[in-house]
Every structure is written in structure tokens, then in C-alpha cells.
Amino acid sequence: MLKVTRQADYGLLLVAALAFHYAEGEYVSLKHVAEKRKLPYRFLGKIVTPFKKVGIVESREGVTGGYRLARAPEKISIREVLEALGEPLSLVRCADSERACQSFCQCFSKRFWRDVQQKIDELLDNYTVADLIEEGSVPNVQFKI
């Protein structure tokens, strides 16, 4: 069944942390994010690389350097974040290709999985990084780092 990987979870946490600083245009060090969010620094270093390649984040070296979102949080979909990390976005193999399933010609649940996948795809496309940090989405937690 669908299971979110640690990479996907930490990737979303990283872009959410950077989103809090987007309006100020601040660059934030990964070390700072790792300390404040209690995330593994070296793992964040691996996660941020694909984000740079696809233009989700940008970096600057030096004392005031670090990382920041390259675009407004409301312009970055959750699908884009997960795809940058190479995360599988299909619940079942046949969602990508019926030929990936040995029993596709006799499957009784095909329509169900297709409908579920369609709803997930809609969420991934329509939910943005801005939605992740929307005030009130996680009560009683201070996110600003």
C-alpha cells in the first residue's frame, strides 16, 4: 500500500521550512534547518540537490549563503516536489501501464484504483508548498526558524 518515504517526508519538511523565509528573500543554511527541525543534516544535503536541478530551490555560497525557494510557495506543487525526488506517485503498477500487471485482463478492482489514483493526482497537482505552511494547518506549533 501507499507509504511515504523518509526522503519524501524530509523533502516536504525542507521546502516548507524554506517557504517561511520566501517573503524576506532570506537564504537559510541546511545546518540551521536540520538543527531547528531535528532532521539529519547529511540527508538534507542529498535531498536539496535534485531541488536545485529542477529549479525549486536556489543557493548562494558564503557567510550569508544557504538555500531559498526559487519561486513563490504557491507556485510549487507537491507533485513537483515529489517528482524532483524521484518518488513513485502511483498506488499500483497498473496505474502507469496495464502491461505491468499480470492480471489486468481479469482485474475487478481496476476502476477503483484508477479513481483513487485520479483523486491523489488532483491533490498532488493542486496542493502547494504554500498550503503546507498555511496558518492553522498544524495547531500550536511555531515553525519560523
N, C-alpha and C. Protein backbone atom coordinates (compact mmCIF):
# COMPACT_ATOMS: atom_id res chain seq x y z
N MET A 1 0.83 -1.18 0.00
CA MET A 1 0.00 0.00 0.00
C MET A 1 0.87 1.24 0.00
N LEU A 2 0.24 2.35 -0.19
CA LEU A 2 0.94 3.63 -0.26
C LEU A 2 1.67 3.91 1.04
N LYS A 3 2.94 4.22 0.91
CA LYS A 3 3.75 4.56 2.08
C LYS A 3 4.68 5.70 1.67
N VAL A 4 4.68 6.75 2.47
CA VAL A 4 5.52 7.90 2.20
C VAL A 4 6.93 7.58 2.66
N THR A 5 7.90 7.79 1.79
CA THR A 5 9.29 7.51 2.14
C THR A 5 9.84 8.61 3.04
N ARG A 6 10.91 8.29 3.71
CA ARG A 6 11.58 9.28 4.55
C ARG A 6 12.08 10.44 3.70
N GLN A 7 12.55 10.13 2.49
CA GLN A 7 13.03 11.17 1.59
C GLN A 7 11.91 12.14 1.23
N ALA A 8 10.72 11.62 0.93
CA ALA A 8 9.58 12.48 0.60
C ALA A 8 9.18 13.32 1.80
N ASP A 9 9.13 12.70 2.96
CA ASP A 9 8.75 13.40 4.18
C ASP A 9 9.73 14.53 4.48
N TYR A 10 11.02 14.24 4.47
CA TYR A 10 12.04 15.25 4.75
C TYR A 10 12.09 16.31 3.66
N GLY A 11 11.86 15.91 2.41
CA GLY A 11 11.85 16.87 1.31
C GLY A 11 10.74 17.89 1.48
N LEU A 12 9.56 17.43 1.87
CA LEU A 12 8.45 18.35 2.11
C LEU A 12 8.72 19.24 3.32
N LEU A 13 9.34 18.67 4.36
CA LEU A 13 9.69 19.48 5.52
C LEU A 13 10.71 20.55 5.16
N LEU A 14 11.65 20.20 4.30
CA LEU A 14 12.68 21.17 3.89
C LEU A 14 12.07 22.32 3.09
N VAL A 15 11.26 22.01 2.09
CA VAL A 15 10.68 23.11 1.29
C VAL A 15 9.71 23.94 2.13
N ALA A 16 9.04 23.32 3.08
CA ALA A 16 8.15 24.09 3.97
C ALA A 16 8.97 25.04 4.82
N ALA A 17 10.11 24.57 5.35
CA ALA A 17 10.97 25.44 6.16
C ALA A 17 11.47 26.62 5.33
N LEU A 18 11.85 26.36 4.09
CA LEU A 18 12.33 27.45 3.23
C LEU A 18 11.20 28.40 2.84
N ALA A 19 9.99 27.87 2.76
CA ALA A 19 8.84 28.70 2.39
C ALA A 19 8.56 29.78 3.43
N PHE A 20 8.85 29.51 4.68
CA PHE A 20 8.63 30.51 5.72
C PHE A 20 9.51 31.74 5.53
N HIS A 21 10.59 31.60 4.79
CA HIS A 21 11.52 32.71 4.59
C HIS A 21 11.42 33.31 3.18
N TYR A 22 10.50 32.82 2.37
CA TYR A 22 10.43 33.27 0.99
C TYR A 22 10.17 34.77 0.88
N ALA A 23 9.23 35.27 1.63
CA ALA A 23 8.85 36.69 1.52
C ALA A 23 10.02 37.62 1.83
N GLU A 24 10.89 37.22 2.75
CA GLU A 24 12.04 38.05 3.11
C GLU A 24 13.20 37.86 2.14
N GLY A 25 13.13 36.84 1.29
CA GLY A 25 14.22 36.57 0.35
C GLY A 25 15.46 36.02 1.03
N GLU A 26 15.30 35.53 2.24
CA GLU A 26 16.43 35.04 3.02
C GLU A 26 16.95 33.70 2.51
N TYR A 27 18.25 33.54 2.61
CA TYR A 27 18.88 32.24 2.38
C TYR A 27 19.04 31.59 3.75
N VAL A 28 18.74 30.32 3.83
CA VAL A 28 18.79 29.60 5.10
C VAL A 28 19.76 28.43 4.95
N SER A 29 20.63 28.26 5.92
CA SER A 29 21.59 27.15 5.84
C SER A 29 20.89 25.84 6.17
N LEU A 30 21.34 24.78 5.51
CA LEU A 30 20.78 23.46 5.79
C LEU A 30 21.07 23.04 7.23
N LYS A 31 22.20 23.45 7.72
CA LYS A 31 22.55 23.12 9.09
C LYS A 31 21.53 23.71 10.07
N HIS A 32 21.14 24.94 9.80
CA HIS A 32 20.14 25.60 10.64
C HIS A 32 18.80 24.87 10.56
N VAL A 33 18.38 24.52 9.35
CA VAL A 33 17.13 23.78 9.17
C VAL A 33 17.21 22.45 9.90
N ALA A 34 18.32 21.75 9.74
CA ALA A 34 18.49 20.44 10.38
C ALA A 34 18.40 20.55 11.90
N GLU A 35 19.04 21.57 12.46
CA GLU A 35 19.02 21.75 13.92
C GLU A 35 17.62 22.10 14.42
N LYS A 36 16.97 23.04 13.75
CA LYS A 36 15.65 23.50 14.20
C LYS A 36 14.57 22.44 14.01
N ARG A 37 14.67 21.68 12.95
CA ARG A 37 13.66 20.67 12.63
C ARG A 37 14.02 19.27 13.12
N LYS A 38 15.23 19.15 13.68
CA LYS A 38 15.73 17.85 14.15
C LYS A 38 15.74 16.82 13.01
N LEU A 39 16.33 17.25 11.90
CA LEU A 39 16.47 16.40 10.72
C LEU A 39 17.94 16.11 10.47
N PRO A 40 18.26 15.00 9.84
CA PRO A 40 19.67 14.68 9.57
C PRO A 40 20.26 15.60 8.50
N TYR A 41 21.28 16.34 8.89
CA TYR A 41 21.91 17.32 8.02
C TYR A 41 22.42 16.70 6.71
N ARG A 42 23.12 15.58 6.80
CA ARG A 42 23.68 14.97 5.59
C ARG A 42 22.58 14.51 4.63
N PHE A 43 21.49 14.04 5.18
CA PHE A 43 20.38 13.61 4.34
C PHE A 43 19.74 14.80 3.64
N LEU A 44 19.60 15.93 4.34
CA LEU A 44 19.08 17.14 3.71
C LEU A 44 19.99 17.59 2.56
N GLY A 45 21.30 17.41 2.76
CA GLY A 45 22.26 17.76 1.72
C GLY A 45 22.03 16.96 0.44
N LYS A 46 21.62 15.71 0.59
CA LYS A 46 21.32 14.88 -0.59
C LYS A 46 19.98 15.25 -1.21
N ILE A 47 19.04 15.60 -0.38
CA ILE A 47 17.70 15.93 -0.87
C ILE A 47 17.68 17.25 -1.64
N VAL A 48 18.46 18.22 -1.20
CA VAL A 48 18.40 19.55 -1.80
C VAL A 48 18.96 19.57 -3.23
N THR A 49 19.84 18.65 -3.55
CA THR A 49 20.46 18.63 -4.89
C THR A 49 19.43 18.49 -6.01
N PRO A 50 18.52 17.52 -5.97
CA PRO A 50 17.52 17.46 -7.04
C PRO A 50 16.60 18.67 -7.08
N PHE A 51 16.36 19.29 -5.93
CA PHE A 51 15.54 20.50 -5.92
C PHE A 51 16.23 21.64 -6.68
N LYS A 52 17.54 21.72 -6.55
CA LYS A 52 18.30 22.73 -7.30
C LYS A 52 18.24 22.44 -8.80
N LYS A 53 18.37 21.18 -9.17
CA LYS A 53 18.39 20.81 -10.59
C LYS A 53 17.11 21.18 -11.31
N VAL A 54 15.97 21.07 -10.63
CA VAL A 54 14.69 21.35 -11.29
C VAL A 54 14.17 22.76 -11.01
N GLY A 55 14.93 23.56 -10.28
CA GLY A 55 14.54 24.95 -10.07
C GLY A 55 13.55 25.19 -8.94
N ILE A 56 13.48 24.28 -7.99
CA ILE A 56 12.63 24.52 -6.82
C ILE A 56 13.36 25.39 -5.81
N VAL A 57 14.66 25.15 -5.65
CA VAL A 57 15.46 25.98 -4.74
C VAL A 57 16.66 26.54 -5.49
N GLU A 58 17.22 27.59 -4.92
CA GLU A 58 18.46 28.15 -5.41
C GLU A 58 19.38 28.33 -4.22
N SER A 59 20.66 28.42 -4.51
CA SER A 59 21.63 28.51 -3.42
C SER A 59 22.58 29.66 -3.63
N ARG A 60 23.21 30.04 -2.53
CA ARG A 60 24.24 31.07 -2.55
C ARG A 60 25.30 30.65 -1.54
N GLU A 61 26.54 30.79 -1.94
CA GLU A 61 27.65 30.43 -1.05
C GLU A 61 28.05 31.63 -0.21
N GLY A 62 28.79 31.35 0.84
CA GLY A 62 29.32 32.42 1.68
C GLY A 62 28.64 32.49 3.03
N VAL A 63 29.07 33.48 3.80
CA VAL A 63 28.59 33.66 5.16
C VAL A 63 27.08 33.86 5.21
N THR A 64 26.55 34.62 4.28
CA THR A 64 25.10 34.86 4.25
C THR A 64 24.40 33.93 3.27
N GLY A 65 25.08 32.87 2.91
CA GLY A 65 24.54 31.93 1.93
C GLY A 65 23.61 30.91 2.54
N GLY A 66 23.23 30.00 1.69
CA GLY A 66 22.32 28.93 2.08
C GLY A 66 21.40 28.62 0.92
N TYR A 67 20.17 28.28 1.25
CA TYR A 67 19.17 27.91 0.25
C TYR A 67 17.90 28.70 0.47
N ARG A 68 17.19 28.92 -0.63
CA ARG A 68 15.87 29.52 -0.56
C ARG A 68 15.05 29.00 -1.74
N LEU A 69 13.74 29.16 -1.64
CA LEU A 69 12.88 28.75 -2.74
C LEU A 69 13.14 29.65 -3.94
N ALA A 70 13.18 29.06 -5.10
CA ALA A 70 13.42 29.82 -6.32
C ALA A 70 12.14 30.50 -6.83
N ARG A 71 11.01 30.00 -6.38
CA ARG A 71 9.71 30.56 -6.78
C ARG A 71 8.81 30.67 -5.56
N ALA A 72 7.75 31.40 -5.71
CA ALA A 72 6.79 31.57 -4.61
C ALA A 72 6.23 30.21 -4.20
N PRO A 73 6.01 30.00 -2.90
CA PRO A 73 5.50 28.71 -2.42
C PRO A 73 4.19 28.29 -3.08
N GLU A 74 3.35 29.26 -3.44
CA GLU A 74 2.07 28.91 -4.08
C GLU A 74 2.25 28.50 -5.54
N LYS A 75 3.46 28.64 -6.07
CA LYS A 75 3.74 28.24 -7.46
C LYS A 75 4.44 26.88 -7.54
N ILE A 76 4.64 26.22 -6.39
CA ILE A 76 5.33 24.93 -6.36
C ILE A 76 4.35 23.88 -5.85
N SER A 77 3.96 22.95 -6.73
CA SER A 77 3.02 21.91 -6.33
C SER A 77 3.74 20.79 -5.58
N ILE A 78 2.97 20.07 -4.80
CA ILE A 78 3.52 18.92 -4.09
C ILE A 78 3.98 17.87 -5.09
N ARG A 79 3.28 17.74 -6.20
CA ARG A 79 3.71 16.80 -7.24
C ARG A 79 5.12 17.14 -7.71
N GLU A 80 5.38 18.42 -7.95
CA GLU A 80 6.68 18.85 -8.42
C GLU A 80 7.78 18.49 -7.43
N VAL A 81 7.50 18.68 -6.15
CA VAL A 81 8.48 18.35 -5.11
C VAL A 81 8.77 16.86 -5.11
N LEU A 82 7.72 16.05 -5.11
CA LEU A 82 7.90 14.60 -5.07
C LEU A 82 8.55 14.06 -6.34
N GLU A 83 8.17 14.61 -7.48
CA GLU A 83 8.79 14.17 -8.74
C GLU A 83 10.28 14.52 -8.77
N ALA A 84 10.64 15.66 -8.23
CA ALA A 84 12.05 16.05 -8.19
C ALA A 84 12.87 15.02 -7.41
N LEU A 85 12.26 14.43 -6.41
CA LEU A 85 12.95 13.43 -5.59
C LEU A 85 12.87 12.03 -6.18
N GLY A 86 12.16 11.90 -7.30
CA GLY A 86 12.04 10.60 -7.94
C GLY A 86 11.09 9.66 -7.21
N GLU A 87 10.17 10.24 -6.46
CA GLU A 87 9.24 9.43 -5.68
C GLU A 87 8.17 8.83 -6.59
N PRO A 88 7.80 7.58 -6.32
CA PRO A 88 6.71 6.97 -7.10
C PRO A 88 5.38 7.62 -6.71
N LEU A 89 4.61 7.98 -7.71
CA LEU A 89 3.35 8.67 -7.44
C LEU A 89 2.14 7.81 -7.77
N SER A 90 2.36 6.56 -8.14
CA SER A 90 1.28 5.65 -8.47
C SER A 90 1.06 4.67 -7.34
N LEU A 91 -0.20 4.44 -7.03
CA LEU A 91 -0.54 3.47 -5.99
C LEU A 91 -0.27 2.04 -6.42
N VAL A 92 -0.64 1.73 -7.64
CA VAL A 92 -0.49 0.37 -8.14
C VAL A 92 0.25 0.39 -9.47
N ARG A 93 0.88 -0.71 -9.80
CA ARG A 93 1.67 -0.78 -11.04
C ARG A 93 0.85 -0.49 -12.28
N CYS A 94 -0.39 -0.95 -12.29
CA CYS A 94 -1.20 -0.79 -13.50
C CYS A 94 -1.64 0.65 -13.73
N ALA A 95 -1.42 1.53 -12.76
CA ALA A 95 -1.77 2.94 -12.97
C ALA A 95 -0.89 3.56 -14.04
N ASP A 96 0.34 3.08 -14.14
CA ASP A 96 1.25 3.57 -15.17
C ASP A 96 1.07 2.83 -16.48
N SER A 97 0.86 1.54 -16.38
CA SER A 97 0.72 0.72 -17.58
C SER A 97 0.01 -0.57 -17.21
N GLU A 98 -1.04 -0.89 -17.94
CA GLU A 98 -1.76 -2.13 -17.67
C GLU A 98 -0.86 -3.34 -17.90
N ARG A 99 0.13 -3.20 -18.73
CA ARG A 99 1.02 -4.31 -19.02
C ARG A 99 1.93 -4.66 -17.83
N ALA A 100 2.00 -3.76 -16.85
CA ALA A 100 2.81 -4.02 -15.66
C ALA A 100 2.11 -5.01 -14.72
N CYS A 101 0.87 -5.31 -15.00
CA CYS A 101 0.08 -6.20 -14.14
C CYS A 101 -0.19 -7.50 -14.87
N GLN A 102 0.06 -8.60 -14.21
CA GLN A 102 -0.16 -9.91 -14.84
C GLN A 102 -1.63 -10.25 -14.99
N SER A 103 -2.48 -9.64 -14.19
CA SER A 103 -3.91 -10.00 -14.24
C SER A 103 -4.80 -8.85 -14.70
N PHE A 104 -4.22 -7.93 -15.50
CA PHE A 104 -5.01 -6.75 -15.88
C PHE A 104 -6.26 -7.10 -16.67
N CYS A 105 -6.26 -8.19 -17.41
CA CYS A 105 -7.42 -8.54 -18.23
C CYS A 105 -8.56 -9.11 -17.40
N GLN A 106 -8.29 -9.55 -16.17
CA GLN A 106 -9.33 -10.10 -15.32
C GLN A 106 -9.50 -9.34 -14.01
N CYS A 107 -8.95 -8.17 -13.94
CA CYS A 107 -8.95 -7.40 -12.70
C CYS A 107 -10.31 -6.76 -12.47
N PHE A 108 -10.85 -6.95 -11.26
CA PHE A 108 -12.13 -6.37 -10.89
C PHE A 108 -11.97 -5.04 -10.16
N SER A 109 -10.77 -4.73 -9.74
CA SER A 109 -10.55 -3.51 -8.96
C SER A 109 -9.90 -2.39 -9.76
N LYS A 110 -9.72 -2.62 -11.04
CA LYS A 110 -9.03 -1.65 -11.89
C LYS A 110 -9.68 -0.26 -11.82
N ARG A 111 -11.00 -0.20 -11.93
CA ARG A 111 -11.69 1.08 -11.91
C ARG A 111 -11.54 1.78 -10.56
N PHE A 112 -11.63 1.01 -9.49
CA PHE A 112 -11.45 1.56 -8.16
C PHE A 112 -10.08 2.21 -8.02
N TRP A 113 -9.02 1.49 -8.39
CA TRP A 113 -7.66 2.03 -8.26
C TRP A 113 -7.44 3.23 -9.18
N ARG A 114 -8.04 3.20 -10.34
CA ARG A 114 -7.94 4.34 -11.26
C ARG A 114 -8.60 5.57 -10.65
N ASP A 115 -9.77 5.40 -10.00
CA ASP A 115 -10.47 6.51 -9.36
C ASP A 115 -9.68 7.06 -8.17
N VAL A 116 -9.12 6.15 -7.37
CA VAL A 116 -8.30 6.58 -6.23
C VAL A 116 -7.08 7.33 -6.72
N GLN A 117 -6.43 6.81 -7.75
CA GLN A 117 -5.24 7.46 -8.30
C GLN A 117 -5.58 8.84 -8.84
N GLN A 118 -6.74 8.97 -9.47
CA GLN A 118 -7.15 10.27 -10.01
C GLN A 118 -7.30 11.30 -8.89
N LYS A 119 -7.88 10.91 -7.78
CA LYS A 119 -8.04 11.82 -6.64
C LYS A 119 -6.68 12.21 -6.05
N ILE A 120 -5.79 11.25 -5.95
CA ILE A 120 -4.45 11.54 -5.45
C ILE A 120 -3.72 12.49 -6.39
N ASP A 121 -3.83 12.24 -7.69
CA ASP A 121 -3.20 13.12 -8.67
C ASP A 121 -3.73 14.55 -8.57
N GLU A 122 -5.03 14.69 -8.36
CA GLU A 122 -5.63 16.02 -8.20
C GLU A 122 -5.04 16.72 -6.98
N LEU A 123 -4.91 16.02 -5.87
CA LEU A 123 -4.32 16.60 -4.66
C LEU A 123 -2.87 17.01 -4.90
N LEU A 124 -2.11 16.13 -5.51
CA LEU A 124 -0.70 16.42 -5.76
C LEU A 124 -0.52 17.63 -6.67
N ASP A 125 -1.42 17.78 -7.63
CA ASP A 125 -1.33 18.91 -8.56
C ASP A 125 -1.82 20.22 -7.95
N ASN A 126 -2.84 20.14 -7.10
CA ASN A 126 -3.48 21.35 -6.60
C ASN A 126 -2.96 21.82 -5.24
N TYR A 127 -2.36 20.95 -4.48
CA TYR A 127 -1.83 21.30 -3.17
C TYR A 127 -0.42 21.85 -3.37
N THR A 128 -0.14 22.99 -2.77
CA THR A 128 1.16 23.63 -2.98
C THR A 128 1.96 23.70 -1.69
N VAL A 129 3.20 24.13 -1.82
CA VAL A 129 4.05 24.33 -0.65
C VAL A 129 3.42 25.38 0.26
N ALA A 130 2.78 26.38 -0.31
CA ALA A 130 2.10 27.40 0.50
C ALA A 130 1.01 26.76 1.35
N ASP A 131 0.32 25.78 0.81
CA ASP A 131 -0.71 25.08 1.58
C ASP A 131 -0.12 24.34 2.77
N LEU A 132 1.10 23.86 2.62
CA LEU A 132 1.75 23.14 3.72
C LEU A 132 1.95 24.03 4.93
N ILE A 133 2.24 25.30 4.68
CA ILE A 133 2.58 26.19 5.80
C ILE A 133 1.45 27.14 6.16
N GLU A 134 0.30 26.96 5.54
CA GLU A 134 -0.83 27.82 5.82
C GLU A 134 -1.12 27.84 7.31
N GLU A 135 -1.29 29.02 7.83
CA GLU A 135 -1.53 29.19 9.27
C GLU A 135 -2.75 28.38 9.69
N GLY A 136 -2.59 27.67 10.75
CA GLY A 136 -3.68 26.86 11.27
C GLY A 136 -3.66 25.43 10.78
N SER A 137 -2.79 25.11 9.82
CA SER A 137 -2.77 23.74 9.33
C SER A 137 -2.19 22.78 10.36
N VAL A 138 -1.31 23.28 11.22
CA VAL A 138 -0.78 22.49 12.32
C VAL A 138 -0.90 23.35 13.57
N PRO A 139 -1.91 23.11 14.39
CA PRO A 139 -2.14 23.98 15.53
C PRO A 139 -1.05 23.89 16.59
N ASN A 140 -0.84 25.01 17.28
CA ASN A 140 0.05 25.09 18.44
C ASN A 140 1.51 24.74 18.13
N VAL A 141 1.95 24.97 16.92
CA VAL A 141 3.35 24.71 16.57
C VAL A 141 3.94 25.97 15.94
N GLN A 142 5.09 26.40 16.44
CA GLN A 142 5.77 27.56 15.88
C GLN A 142 6.79 27.06 14.87
N PHE A 143 6.63 27.44 13.58
CA PHE A 143 7.50 26.92 12.52
C PHE A 143 8.66 27.84 12.17
N LYS A 144 8.50 29.11 12.33
CA LYS A 144 9.54 30.05 11.89
C LYS A 144 10.87 29.70 12.51
N ILE A 145 11.90 29.58 11.64
CA ILE A 145 13.25 29.26 12.16
C ILE A 145 14.13 30.47 12.03
